[in-house]
Amino acid sequence: MAGLKNVSEQVSSFRNLEQKADNEAKKLGLSATAQLASFAWVVSGDKTQSGRPMLSGNPQMGFDYPSIVYEAHLTGGSGYDVEGFNVVGMPVIAIGMNDHLAWSFMVGMGDNVDIYQETLNPNNKNQYMYKGKWVDFEKHVETISVAGGGSVQYTVYRSVHGPVIAPVDFDPNVYTGDKVFTWKSAHWMKDAGSIGGFLELMKSSSVKDLIKGSKEVYTSLHMVGADDKGNIGYTQAGLVPVRPANSDFRLPLSGEGDMEWTGEYLPNPVAINPEKGFVTGWNGKSTPSSNNPDSRYFGPYNRGLWLERELKDMKNMTMEDMLKVQKKIGTEMGTSGGLYEAGILITDLLPLLDNALKGVPKEDANYEKLNSAYQLLANWNGHGIDDVVTSTQLKPEQLIFDKWIATLLSSVFDDELKGLVTFTSTEDDRINMLLRALNEQTLSSRNYFDNIKTPEIETKEQLVLQSFIGALEQLSTQFKTHDISKWQLSRPKTSITHPLFNKIGEFPTQTSGTYSFMVKFVEKNANSNGITVPVGMSRWPYGINAYIGLNQSGTPDITNPNLWKMLNLYRNYEYRQMSNFK
């Protein structure tokens, strides 16, 4: 129990620091947390009208300004001719196309880090136990300059595994605990080497070349690609270490030398021309058997289900169809207390609600209201708005769904987990907890629907019904009416923030990439004898000039026409032609 208390204290300390950092960042007009996500898909010629592949890439990296991403076309050097997504400061096109192929990346969520628990020397906490000996922590001092004030010095302590991350303010001269936690990363000191991998990708001429080049990209990324020979493919870049047999990847590892990585890495998953005719993803796991990363819990639900289900039965696709899919994904959004993409589960969860409502007699005072709300959900497509360009209000169905799931999660798990897990926001790991609890095999070991704090044995049907009634009552109170048609909530807006001037713009929220591009393959010219080249179109919200000056009154001037040159295109899901290679 002492070890568990130690871990709990460090988690609490880490969360407090994270919240403090978020608050300070907001005061400066910065994003509270880095936004790194992405979705993409590629379809083979078997699913297209032209018989050639098509690809869509959507790296999601937030909307701060100046942006860290821009479109660029790089030529020259040792045969480079590539266009697409450039991260400011990197000499590469990380996502894009050359004259033979197109590709896109998504954050890979590979299990590439571990937390090690280090045992401190009780007589000298500058030391930790490793392979039977007390070993000194490495340490170095970081000097941080502070605008308008003096510099701040911070001492970083490292074991053989990595830096001490908990407690975050570790000082061996005053620390009273007997354990600290360090962070070991598979790509430590290899990050810069990924530039070489991207340079290889930029000169690739086939999907096989892309997969080969991605082996030199050491951070965890999913990659999809298509080439001018009609091939499509997938791989996961990055290093996933082979753990010792006596360890559990879900828990901290012993830092005493008995749970060291073997020095080998798992082979990266690869798929070329899969039988189903497409590859898609949205920051999920590469295979069902892959470990979950430390930061996420993946289960039966993941937001990639939207694209997986959408593309499954599509045939004879054109670029117009690709755009329709793009717009449909854009309408997935919810309330601040819900998970934007979880509406896909309505078809999975509706039978659960249907079964629970069968126990409500017609003479029940709630019968009419419950069944009216149920019918709305039964006819709902899971999207938060109807039209990504014109809609201004969230659909009542989304409000009902979000509130019902949040209430159900609390009803099911609060008696066991209150204080350990927060259910006010229906994040995907919480939803997966619910789906596993609903699974009959899981229920055989623990009935989470039974409230352990009451003598009665509650059932699944009871909690589903109670949470649905509770959700409708909460919404009736919130909107001061029982008329569901009047439950209206404005569509969220995405702010564009500047580190000095805070909010400088906004646009209606859409689920899309910060940079979004689509590619098809066409014949190079009338005499090309079937030789194809990629032709792309793109959209992103910014212009070609990030300069913001001051007007005569000394306030920021954001009227520079180049500042927002692309914003209306972005709002309206209109794409501009890329330079292309015809």
Foldseek 3Di string as FASTA:
>chain_A
DVVVVQVVVQVVLLVVVLVVQLVVCVVLLHHSDWDWWWKKKKFFLQFAQVSFIKIKTFTATAFAPPDQWDWDFDDDDPGFTWIDIDGPPAPFHQFGFGFWKGKYKTQAQAQFKAKAKWFADPVFRLWTAAQRDTDGWDKDWDWACDPPDHIDIAIWTADPQATFPTVVRDDRVPDDDGITMGMHGNCVVLQVQLSQLRVQCRPDNAPVSNVVSLQSHAGWMKMWMGTQVRKIKIKTHHFHFAWDPPDDSQDHHYRHHPIDTPPDTDDIDMDMCDPQRMDIDINDHPDPPGDRYNVDDDAPDDLRVLVVVVSRPRHNDDVVNVLVSQFQQFQQQADPQEDRRPLQCLVVCLVLQVVLLVPPDPPDPCNVLSVVLSVVSVPDPRGQFDGLQDDWWGALNRLLVSQLQLLLLCQQPVLPQPPNDHSSHPDPVSVNVVVLLVDPVSVVVPNSNQRPVDPDGGDSSVSSVVSSVVSLVVQCVVQVHNPSVSSIDTQDKRFHQYSNQNGDDIAGGTPGHQKMKMWIWDQPDPPRVSRITIWMWIAHQFFDDSDWDADPVRHTDPVPCRGGVRRVCVSNVHIGTDPTDD
